[in-house]
Amino acid sequence: MRTVFLLWHSYPHEDGLDENDTEDKLVGVYSSAAEAEAARMRKLQFEGFRDYPDCFQVSEMRKSIRTSGAKDSSP
């Protein structure tokens, strides 16, 4: 079982018509929470991200990676 960390940036849609309508971006997938946090800090310098600095979320996902039965394509 492998764990990855997804960094999201989600903030209310600017038209404000529906409070549940959000702008959602998957910023990246990282191998550790520390890497996700470092990416968040880097993104804060960019417009859009810095306008909503408290709208980042990190979610942890566990994924089973199958290695048996994989074909080796090397010569």
C-alpha atoms as a PDB file:
ATOM      1  CA  MET A   1       0.000   0.000   0.000  1.00  0.00           C
ATOM      2  CA  ARG A   2       1.403   3.395  -0.966  1.00  0.00           C
ATOM      3  CA  THR A   3       0.297   6.754   0.409  1.00  0.00           C
ATOM      4  CA  VAL A   4       0.232   9.930  -1.663  1.00  0.00           C
ATOM      5  CA  PHE A   5      -0.839  13.447  -0.740  1.00  0.00           C
ATOM      6  CA  LEU A   6      -3.051  15.528  -3.007  1.00  0.00           C
ATOM      7  CA  LEU A   7      -2.807  19.300  -2.759  1.00  0.00           C
ATOM      8  CA  TRP A   8      -6.019  21.089  -3.703  1.00  0.00           C
ATOM      9  CA  HIS A   9      -6.890  24.762  -3.979  1.00  0.00           C
ATOM     10  CA  SER A  10     -10.616  25.408  -3.742  1.00  0.00           C
ATOM     11  CA  TYR A  11     -12.341  28.762  -3.276  1.00  0.00           C
ATOM     12  CA  PRO A  12     -15.846  30.223  -3.831  1.00  0.00           C
ATOM     13  CA  HIS A  13     -16.763  30.995  -7.436  1.00  0.00           C
ATOM     14  CA  GLU A  14     -16.573  34.734  -8.082  1.00  0.00           C
ATOM     15  CA  ASP A  15     -20.108  35.152  -9.432  1.00  0.00           C
ATOM     16  CA  GLY A  16     -21.443  34.192  -5.997  1.00  0.00           C
ATOM     17  CA  LEU A  17     -24.706  32.793  -7.366  1.00  0.00           C
ATOM     18  CA  ASP A  18     -24.393  29.504  -5.530  1.00  0.00           C
ATOM     19  CA  GLU A  19     -22.508  29.177  -2.254  1.00  0.00           C
ATOM     20  CA  ASN A  20     -21.620  25.580  -3.173  1.00  0.00           C
ATOM     21  CA  ASP A  21     -20.111  26.592  -6.525  1.00  0.00           C
ATOM     22  CA  THR A  22     -16.330  26.576  -6.181  1.00  0.00           C
ATOM     23  CA  GLU A  23     -13.242  26.883  -8.313  1.00  0.00           C
ATOM     24  CA  ASP A  24     -11.253  23.704  -7.676  1.00  0.00           C
ATOM     25  CA  LYS A  25      -7.714  22.968  -8.786  1.00  0.00           C
ATOM     26  CA  LEU A  26      -5.649  19.875  -8.160  1.00  0.00           C
ATOM     27  CA  VAL A  27      -2.250  21.479  -7.638  1.00  0.00           C
ATOM     28  CA  GLY A  28      -0.305  18.220  -7.497  1.00  0.00           C
ATOM     29  CA  VAL A  29       0.282  14.771  -6.069  1.00  0.00           C
ATOM     30  CA  TYR A  30       3.169  14.364  -3.625  1.00  0.00           C
ATOM     31  CA  SER A  31       4.872  11.503  -1.830  1.00  0.00           C
ATOM     32  CA  SER A  32       4.820  13.239   1.567  1.00  0.00           C
ATOM     33  CA  ALA A  33       2.815  15.821   3.474  1.00  0.00           C
ATOM     34  CA  ALA A  34       5.996  17.908   3.749  1.00  0.00           C
ATOM     35  CA  GLU A  35       6.350  18.015  -0.045  1.00  0.00           C
ATOM     36  CA  ALA A  36       2.711  19.086  -0.375  1.00  0.00           C
ATOM     37  CA  GLU A  37       3.282  21.852   2.177  1.00  0.00           C
ATOM     38  CA  ALA A  38       6.401  23.033   0.319  1.00  0.00           C
ATOM     39  CA  ALA A  39       4.383  23.183  -2.909  1.00  0.00           C
ATOM     40  CA  ARG A  40       1.676  25.202  -1.132  1.00  0.00           C
ATOM     41  CA  MET A  41       4.275  27.708   0.011  1.00  0.00           C
ATOM     42  CA  ARG A  42       5.651  28.022  -3.550  1.00  0.00           C
ATOM     43  CA  LYS A  43       2.169  28.556  -5.015  1.00  0.00           C
ATOM     44  CA  LEU A  44       1.383  31.405  -2.616  1.00  0.00           C
ATOM     45  CA  GLN A  45       3.496  33.741  -4.725  1.00  0.00           C
ATOM     46  CA  PHE A  46       1.146  33.389  -7.714  1.00  0.00           C
ATOM     47  CA  GLU A  47      -2.023  35.370  -8.387  1.00  0.00           C
ATOM     48  CA  GLY A  48      -5.135  33.357  -7.674  1.00  0.00           C
ATOM     49  CA  PHE A  49      -3.401  31.277  -5.030  1.00  0.00           C
ATOM     50  CA  ARG A  50      -2.227  34.261  -2.992  1.00  0.00           C
ATOM     51  CA  ASP A  51      -5.702  35.814  -3.270  1.00  0.00           C
ATOM     52  CA  TYR A  52      -7.109  32.838  -1.334  1.00  0.00           C
ATOM     53  CA  PRO A  53      -4.225  31.677   0.894  1.00  0.00           C
ATOM     54  CA  ASP A  54      -6.455  29.780   3.330  1.00  0.00           C
ATOM     55  CA  CYS A  55      -8.157  27.702   0.645  1.00  0.00           C
ATOM     56  CA  PHE A  56      -5.532  24.980   0.276  1.00  0.00           C
ATOM     57  CA  GLN A  57      -6.335  21.442   1.368  1.00  0.00           C
ATOM     58  CA  VAL A  58      -4.170  18.347   1.556  1.00  0.00           C
ATOM     59  CA  SER A  59      -5.860  14.984   1.346  1.00  0.00           C
ATOM     60  CA  GLU A  60      -4.145  11.688   1.981  1.00  0.00           C
ATOM     61  CA  MET A  61      -4.846   8.799  -0.365  1.00  0.00           C
ATOM     62  CA  ARG A  62      -3.733   5.216   0.013  1.00  0.00           C
ATOM     63  CA  LYS A  63      -3.287   3.341  -3.209  1.00  0.00           C
ATOM     64  CA  SER A  64      -2.484  -0.276  -3.800  1.00  0.00           C
ATOM     65  CA  ILE A  65       0.108  -0.606  -6.533  1.00  0.00           C
ATOM     66  CA  ARG A  66       0.148  -3.818  -8.501  1.00  0.00           C
ATOM     67  CA  THR A  67       3.584  -5.024  -9.472  1.00  0.00           C
ATOM     68  CA  SER A  68       2.952  -8.703 -10.204  1.00  0.00           C
ATOM     69  CA  GLY A  69       1.959  -9.475 -13.756  1.00  0.00           C
ATOM     70  CA  ALA A  70       3.449  -6.263 -15.123  1.00  0.00           C
ATOM     71  CA  LYS A  71       5.322  -6.792 -18.349  1.00  0.00           C
ATOM     72  CA  ASP A  72       8.891  -5.608 -18.721  1.00  0.00           C
ATOM     73  CA  SER A  73       9.279  -3.880 -22.096  1.00  0.00           C
ATOM     74  CA  SER A  74      13.035  -3.494 -21.860  1.00  0.00           C
ATOM     75  CA  PRO A  75      15.119  -5.305 -24.530  1.00  0.00           C
END
